[in-house]
Amino acid sequence: MNPSDKIYSSLESLATACAAIRASGQTLVLTSGCFDILHQDHGRYVYAASLLGHLIVGINSDAFVRRLKGPNRPHRPEDDRAYTMACFEAASGVTVFDDDLELIEAVTPHIYVVSGTSHVLIEDDPLRLALIERLGIKVTQIASNNTTSTTAILGKL
């Protein structure tokens, strides 16, 4: 499959596709992140999440990343990061988003996968946690090996 065919250009088109996946009886899984400078831990994380079901990966928009990590990030634009993630066989679908709550509502996954190394922990985000609970979504945390990070890679450069 052409990676571009796995990228949803709007949350509306993503929501339609996800409704069809749910209707077919498949388990729908959602995770998200910046995925700025891809490294081994990203690959392990995305692969492990894909073992849980049909994986949708949300890519934080450039504006979202700047709010989260500062004005000098991301180093790669959102379209580049989305296309690169779509090249992963483990990712069934990819979209760029600016609002966690809108992404979660559009996908309404069975399982929401979070990383233990995320800058914003789910337990520290009461609005996201309340939405997940209201929609009956199971939260699964995938531990990181912490062998590397984008920040560490950038520090070496």
C-alpha atoms as a PDB file:
ATOM      1  CA  MET A   1       0.000   0.000   0.000  1.00  0.00           C
ATOM      2  CA  ASN A   2       1.211   3.494  -0.827  1.00  0.00           C
ATOM      3  CA  PRO A   3       1.922   5.292   2.488  1.00  0.00           C
ATOM      4  CA  SER A   4      -0.037   8.332   1.277  1.00  0.00           C
ATOM      5  CA  ASP A   5      -3.149   6.152   1.142  1.00  0.00           C
ATOM      6  CA  LYS A   6      -2.871   5.574   4.905  1.00  0.00           C
ATOM      7  CA  ILE A   7      -2.939   9.294   5.753  1.00  0.00           C
ATOM      8  CA  TYR A   8      -6.312  10.822   6.642  1.00  0.00           C
ATOM      9  CA  SER A   9      -6.417  14.497   5.753  1.00  0.00           C
ATOM     10  CA  SER A  10      -9.264  15.345   8.119  1.00  0.00           C
ATOM     11  CA  LEU A  11     -10.743  14.073  11.343  1.00  0.00           C
ATOM     12  CA  GLU A  12     -14.050  13.681   9.508  1.00  0.00           C
ATOM     13  CA  SER A  13     -12.602  11.218   6.991  1.00  0.00           C
ATOM     14  CA  LEU A  14     -10.807   9.437   9.813  1.00  0.00           C
ATOM     15  CA  ALA A  15     -14.038   9.160  11.835  1.00  0.00           C
ATOM     16  CA  THR A  16     -15.827   7.597   8.859  1.00  0.00           C
ATOM     17  CA  ALA A  17     -13.048   5.051   8.332  1.00  0.00           C
ATOM     18  CA  CYS A  18     -12.914   4.215  12.040  1.00  0.00           C
ATOM     19  CA  ALA A  19     -16.679   3.685  12.198  1.00  0.00           C
ATOM     20  CA  ALA A  20     -16.351   1.121   9.400  1.00  0.00           C
ATOM     21  CA  ILE A  21     -13.479  -0.625  11.221  1.00  0.00           C
ATOM     22  CA  ARG A  22     -15.520  -0.835  14.432  1.00  0.00           C
ATOM     23  CA  ALA A  23     -18.570  -2.074  12.495  1.00  0.00           C
ATOM     24  CA  SER A  24     -16.475  -4.869  10.977  1.00  0.00           C
ATOM     25  CA  GLY A  25     -15.711  -6.170  14.475  1.00  0.00           C
ATOM     26  CA  GLN A  26     -12.016  -5.287  14.463  1.00  0.00           C
ATOM     27  CA  THR A  27     -10.343  -3.859  17.547  1.00  0.00           C
ATOM     28  CA  LEU A  28      -9.497  -0.213  16.991  1.00  0.00           C
ATOM     29  CA  VAL A  29      -6.361   1.121  18.695  1.00  0.00           C
ATOM     30  CA  LEU A  30      -5.217   4.743  18.959  1.00  0.00           C
ATOM     31  CA  THR A  31      -1.908   6.248  19.962  1.00  0.00           C
ATOM     32  CA  SER A  32      -0.342   9.610  19.276  1.00  0.00           C
ATOM     33  CA  GLY A  33       2.858  11.561  19.571  1.00  0.00           C
ATOM     34  CA  CYS A  34       5.267  14.006  18.009  1.00  0.00           C
ATOM     35  CA  PHE A  35       7.440  11.364  16.301  1.00  0.00           C
ATOM     36  CA  ASP A  36       9.870  14.121  15.349  1.00  0.00           C
ATOM     37  CA  ILE A  37      13.182  12.292  14.947  1.00  0.00           C
ATOM     38  CA  LEU A  38      12.252   8.618  14.665  1.00  0.00           C
ATOM     39  CA  HIS A  39      14.336   6.130  16.628  1.00  0.00           C
ATOM     40  CA  GLN A  40      14.280   2.538  17.833  1.00  0.00           C
ATOM     41  CA  ASP A  41      11.977   3.167  20.807  1.00  0.00           C
ATOM     42  CA  HIS A  42       9.405   4.737  18.465  1.00  0.00           C
ATOM     43  CA  GLY A  43       9.526   1.623  16.297  1.00  0.00           C
ATOM     44  CA  ARG A  44       9.141  -0.700  19.271  1.00  0.00           C
ATOM     45  CA  TYR A  45       6.286   1.368  20.674  1.00  0.00           C
ATOM     46  CA  VAL A  46       4.307   1.551  17.433  1.00  0.00           C
ATOM     47  CA  TYR A  47       4.861  -2.143  16.720  1.00  0.00           C
ATOM     48  CA  ALA A  48       3.718  -3.156  20.223  1.00  0.00           C
ATOM     49  CA  ALA A  49       0.604  -0.976  19.891  1.00  0.00           C
ATOM     50  CA  SER A  50      -0.214  -2.561  16.526  1.00  0.00           C
ATOM     51  CA  LEU A  51      -0.291  -6.016  18.125  1.00  0.00           C
ATOM     52  CA  LEU A  52      -3.420  -4.899  20.003  1.00  0.00           C
ATOM     53  CA  GLY A  53      -5.475  -4.250  16.853  1.00  0.00           C
ATOM     54  CA  HIS A  54      -6.015  -1.907  13.911  1.00  0.00           C
ATOM     55  CA  LEU A  55      -3.644   0.962  14.838  1.00  0.00           C
ATOM     56  CA  ILE A  56      -4.351   4.617  14.130  1.00  0.00           C
ATOM     57  CA  VAL A  57      -1.421   6.942  14.875  1.00  0.00           C
ATOM     58  CA  GLY A  58      -2.094  10.606  15.565  1.00  0.00           C
ATOM     59  CA  ILE A  59       0.774  12.924  14.731  1.00  0.00           C
ATOM     60  CA  ASN A  60       0.860  16.114  16.805  1.00  0.00           C
ATOM     61  CA  SER A  61       0.590  19.170  14.549  1.00  0.00           C
ATOM     62  CA  ASP A  62       3.538  21.542  14.342  1.00  0.00           C
ATOM     63  CA  ALA A  63       1.653  24.060  16.506  1.00  0.00           C
ATOM     64  CA  PHE A  64       0.877  21.362  19.092  1.00  0.00           C
ATOM     65  CA  VAL A  65       4.553  20.345  19.281  1.00  0.00           C
ATOM     66  CA  ARG A  66       5.653  23.971  19.735  1.00  0.00           C
ATOM     67  CA  ARG A  67       3.167  24.359  22.612  1.00  0.00           C
ATOM     68  CA  LEU A  68       4.423  21.143  24.185  1.00  0.00           C
ATOM     69  CA  LYS A  69       8.185  21.284  23.570  1.00  0.00           C
ATOM     70  CA  GLY A  70       9.031  24.878  22.773  1.00  0.00           C
ATOM     71  CA  PRO A  71       9.556  27.160  19.773  1.00  0.00           C
ATOM     72  CA  ASN A  72      12.487  25.206  18.303  1.00  0.00           C
ATOM     73  CA  ARG A  73      10.485  22.015  17.790  1.00  0.00           C
ATOM     74  CA  PRO A  74       9.513  20.112  15.780  1.00  0.00           C
ATOM     75  CA  HIS A  75      12.551  19.689  13.564  1.00  0.00           C
ATOM     76  CA  ARG A  76      10.520  18.007  10.829  1.00  0.00           C
ATOM     77  CA  PRO A  77       7.196  19.383   9.576  1.00  0.00           C
ATOM     78  CA  GLU A  78       3.957  17.530  10.319  1.00  0.00           C
ATOM     79  CA  ASP A  79       3.446  16.306   6.737  1.00  0.00           C
ATOM     80  CA  ASP A  80       6.933  14.768   6.746  1.00  0.00           C
ATOM     81  CA  ARG A  81       6.352  13.132  10.129  1.00  0.00           C
ATOM     82  CA  ALA A  82       2.956  11.778   9.030  1.00  0.00           C
ATOM     83  CA  TYR A  83       4.312  10.301   5.804  1.00  0.00           C
ATOM     84  CA  THR A  84       7.237   8.679   7.602  1.00  0.00           C
ATOM     85  CA  MET A  85       4.882   7.097  10.150  1.00  0.00           C
ATOM     86  CA  ALA A  86       2.618   5.897   7.332  1.00  0.00           C
ATOM     87  CA  CYS A  87       5.621   3.985   5.965  1.00  0.00           C
ATOM     88  CA  PHE A  88       5.509   1.782   9.073  1.00  0.00           C
ATOM     89  CA  GLU A  89       3.623  -1.415   8.290  1.00  0.00           C
ATOM     90  CA  ALA A  90       2.393  -1.396  11.902  1.00  0.00           C
ATOM     91  CA  ALA A  91       0.425   1.824  11.364  1.00  0.00           C
ATOM     92  CA  SER A  92      -2.910   1.148   9.678  1.00  0.00           C
ATOM     93  CA  GLY A  93      -3.788   4.821   9.494  1.00  0.00           C
ATOM     94  CA  VAL A  94      -2.188   8.163  10.288  1.00  0.00           C
ATOM     95  CA  THR A  95      -3.536  11.657  10.800  1.00  0.00           C
ATOM     96  CA  VAL A  96      -2.206  15.032  11.933  1.00  0.00           C
ATOM     97  CA  PHE A  97      -4.174  16.595  14.777  1.00  0.00           C
ATOM     98  CA  ASP A  98      -4.124  19.656  16.991  1.00  0.00           C
ATOM     99  CA  ASP A  99      -6.515  18.629  19.767  1.00  0.00           C
ATOM    100  CA  ASP A 100      -6.329  15.359  21.739  1.00  0.00           C
ATOM    101  CA  LEU A 101     -10.020  15.361  22.587  1.00  0.00           C
ATOM    102  CA  GLU A 102     -11.115  15.828  18.966  1.00  0.00           C
ATOM    103  CA  LEU A 103      -8.799  13.000  17.869  1.00  0.00           C
ATOM    104  CA  ILE A 104     -10.101  10.617  20.527  1.00  0.00           C
ATOM    105  CA  GLU A 105     -13.719  11.415  19.635  1.00  0.00           C
ATOM    106  CA  ALA A 106     -13.075  10.969  15.917  1.00  0.00           C
ATOM    107  CA  VAL A 107     -11.460   7.555  16.394  1.00  0.00           C
ATOM    108  CA  THR A 108     -13.385   6.355  19.467  1.00  0.00           C
ATOM    109  CA  PRO A 109     -10.962   3.457  19.836  1.00  0.00           C
ATOM    110  CA  HIS A 110     -11.466   0.336  21.881  1.00  0.00           C
ATOM    111  CA  ILE A 111      -7.928   0.807  23.237  1.00  0.00           C
ATOM    112  CA  TYR A 112      -5.978   4.024  23.788  1.00  0.00           C
ATOM    113  CA  VAL A 113      -2.240   3.356  24.042  1.00  0.00           C
ATOM    114  CA  VAL A 114      -0.055   5.731  26.030  1.00  0.00           C
ATOM    115  CA  SER A 115       3.683   5.827  26.517  1.00  0.00           C
ATOM    116  CA  GLY A 116       5.358   5.913  29.875  1.00  0.00           C
ATOM    117  CA  THR A 117       7.677   8.622  28.529  1.00  0.00           C
ATOM    118  CA  SER A 118       4.998  11.037  27.315  1.00  0.00           C
ATOM    119  CA  HIS A 119       5.393  14.697  28.286  1.00  0.00           C
ATOM    120  CA  VAL A 120       1.688  14.830  29.201  1.00  0.00           C
ATOM    121  CA  LEU A 121       0.660  11.888  31.337  1.00  0.00           C
ATOM    122  CA  ILE A 122      -2.959  10.837  31.006  1.00  0.00           C
ATOM    123  CA  GLU A 123      -3.514  10.984  34.754  1.00  0.00           C
ATOM    124  CA  ASP A 124      -2.477  14.663  34.638  1.00  0.00           C
ATOM    125  CA  ASP A 125      -5.038  15.466  31.928  1.00  0.00           C
ATOM    126  CA  PRO A 126      -8.506  15.380  33.556  1.00  0.00           C
ATOM    127  CA  LEU A 127     -10.402  16.355  30.383  1.00  0.00           C
ATOM    128  CA  ARG A 128      -8.805  13.595  28.312  1.00  0.00           C
ATOM    129  CA  LEU A 129      -9.268  11.092  31.122  1.00  0.00           C
ATOM    130  CA  ALA A 130     -12.953  12.036  31.540  1.00  0.00           C
ATOM    131  CA  LEU A 131     -13.585  11.637  27.795  1.00  0.00           C
ATOM    132  CA  ILE A 132     -11.879   8.252  27.721  1.00  0.00           C
ATOM    133  CA  GLU A 133     -13.928   7.078  30.701  1.00  0.00           C
ATOM    134  CA  ARG A 134     -17.190   8.423  29.198  1.00  0.00           C
ATOM    135  CA  LEU A 135     -16.539   6.591  25.923  1.00  0.00           C
ATOM    136  CA  GLY A 136     -15.565   3.362  27.721  1.00  0.00           C
ATOM    137  CA  ILE A 137     -12.094   3.224  26.183  1.00  0.00           C
ATOM    138  CA  LYS A 138      -9.506   0.913  27.728  1.00  0.00           C
ATOM    139  CA  VAL A 139      -6.151   2.598  28.411  1.00  0.00           C
ATOM    140  CA  THR A 140      -3.005   0.538  27.949  1.00  0.00           C
ATOM    141  CA  GLN A 141       0.472   1.801  28.749  1.00  0.00           C
ATOM    142  CA  ILE A 142       3.433   0.505  26.786  1.00  0.00           C
ATOM    143  CA  ALA A 143       6.679   0.900  28.646  1.00  0.00           C
ATOM    144  CA  SER A 144       9.653   2.362  26.851  1.00  0.00           C
ATOM    145  CA  ASN A 145      13.085   0.828  26.940  1.00  0.00           C
ATOM    146  CA  ASN A 146      14.373   4.396  27.245  1.00  0.00           C
ATOM    147  CA  THR A 147      17.386   3.498  25.164  1.00  0.00           C
ATOM    148  CA  THR A 148      17.147   6.781  23.296  1.00  0.00           C
ATOM    149  CA  SER A 149      14.995   9.846  22.834  1.00  0.00           C
ATOM    150  CA  THR A 150      14.647  12.613  20.305  1.00  0.00           C
ATOM    151  CA  THR A 151      15.995  15.080  22.865  1.00  0.00           C
ATOM    152  CA  ALA A 152      19.076  12.886  23.453  1.00  0.00           C
ATOM    153  CA  ILE A 153      19.682  12.504  19.704  1.00  0.00           C
ATOM    154  CA  LEU A 154      19.426  16.257  19.198  1.00  0.00           C
ATOM    155  CA  GLY A 155      21.802  16.827  22.121  1.00  0.00           C
ATOM    156  CA  LYS A 156      24.450  14.678  20.441  1.00  0.00           C
ATOM    157  CA  LEU A 157      24.079  16.523  17.167  1.00  0.00           C
END
